[in-house]
Protein backbone atom coordinates (compact mmCIF):
# COMPACT_ATOMS: atom_id res chain seq x y z
CA UNK A 1 32.64 -0.15 17.26
CA UNK A 2 31.66 0.69 13.71
CA UNK A 3 28.57 1.47 11.64
CA UNK A 4 28.09 0.03 8.14
CA UNK A 5 27.43 3.41 6.51
CA UNK A 6 26.91 3.88 2.76
CA UNK A 7 29.76 1.49 1.84
CA UNK A 8 29.31 -1.39 4.30
CA UNK A 9 31.61 -3.83 2.54
CA UNK A 10 34.59 -1.47 2.74
CA UNK A 11 33.75 -0.35 6.27
CA UNK A 12 33.52 -3.88 7.65
CA UNK A 13 36.54 -5.22 5.77
CA UNK A 14 38.65 -2.24 6.89
CA UNK A 15 37.47 -2.67 10.47
CA UNK A 16 38.29 -6.38 10.46
CA UNK A 17 41.72 -5.69 8.95
CA UNK A 18 42.57 -3.44 11.91
CA UNK A 19 41.86 -6.24 14.40
CA UNK A 20 45.18 -8.01 14.80
CA UNK A 21 43.92 -11.04 16.74
CA UNK A 22 46.34 -10.46 19.60
CA UNK A 23 43.57 -10.64 22.20
CA UNK A 24 39.95 -11.61 22.69
CA UNK A 25 37.73 -9.12 20.89
CA UNK A 26 34.11 -8.05 20.80
CA UNK A 27 33.31 -6.24 17.56
CA UNK A 28 30.20 -4.07 17.83
CA UNK A 29 28.42 -3.00 14.66
CA UNK A 30 25.87 -0.35 15.48
CA UNK A 31 23.03 0.57 13.14
CA UNK A 32 23.34 -2.75 11.31
CA UNK A 33 20.03 -1.96 9.59
CA UNK A 34 22.04 0.37 7.35
CA UNK A 35 22.84 -2.72 5.27
CA UNK A 36 19.22 -2.52 4.13
CA UNK A 37 18.29 1.14 4.55
CA UNK A 38 21.22 2.86 2.79
CA UNK A 39 21.01 0.96 -0.47
CA UNK A 40 23.63 -1.78 -0.11
CA UNK A 41 23.26 -4.51 -2.70
CA UNK A 42 22.49 -8.12 -1.84
CA UNK A 43 26.08 -8.92 -2.81
CA UNK A 44 27.37 -6.33 -0.34
CA UNK A 45 25.17 -7.71 2.44
CA UNK A 46 26.33 -11.25 1.71
CA UNK A 47 29.99 -10.17 1.66
CA UNK A 48 29.61 -8.38 5.00
CA UNK A 49 27.94 -11.34 6.70
CA UNK A 50 30.46 -13.81 5.25
CA UNK A 51 33.38 -11.63 6.37
CA UNK A 52 31.98 -11.35 9.88
CA UNK A 53 31.38 -15.09 10.07
CA UNK A 54 34.88 -15.86 8.78
CA UNK A 55 36.45 -13.50 11.30
CA UNK A 56 34.41 -14.81 14.23
CA UNK A 57 35.16 -18.47 13.45
CA UNK A 58 38.80 -18.16 12.36
CA UNK A 59 41.32 -20.18 14.37
CA UNK A 60 42.77 -18.01 17.11
CA UNK A 61 44.89 -18.58 20.19
CA UNK A 62 42.44 -16.39 22.10
CA UNK A 63 39.19 -17.75 23.42
CA UNK A 64 36.75 -15.16 22.20
CA UNK A 65 35.88 -13.39 18.99
CA UNK A 66 32.40 -12.00 19.37
CA UNK A 67 30.29 -9.99 16.93
CA UNK A 68 27.44 -7.89 18.32
CA UNK A 69 24.99 -6.52 15.76
CA UNK A 70 22.87 -3.61 16.95
CA UNK A 71 19.87 -2.48 14.94
CA UNK A 72 16.49 -0.86 15.37
CA UNK A 73 13.46 -3.09 15.38
CA UNK A 74 11.44 -0.99 12.92
CA UNK A 75 13.15 -2.56 9.89
CA UNK A 76 13.14 -6.18 11.12
CA UNK A 77 11.17 -7.56 8.16
CA UNK A 78 13.78 -6.23 5.73
CA UNK A 79 16.56 -8.11 7.55
CA UNK A 80 14.92 -11.52 7.28
CA UNK A 81 17.20 -12.46 4.39
CA UNK A 82 20.80 -11.67 3.55
């Protein structure tokens, strides 16, 4: 489990780097709204989403790589675009 924090690109890339792919994994990112509420740039948001998508869809001998994004509903309009 991780939270994006003030430097979401580094946080997510570091988190993904620690996952060795040796087993099925569910990555939970709590407070995902921080990508919009803590001042991340559009480039940072795009890089985070692309990294998560690449990790989740990468070839793996294990059946599951799951990403769960948790966020509060009060900032839903801000998250309508990456």
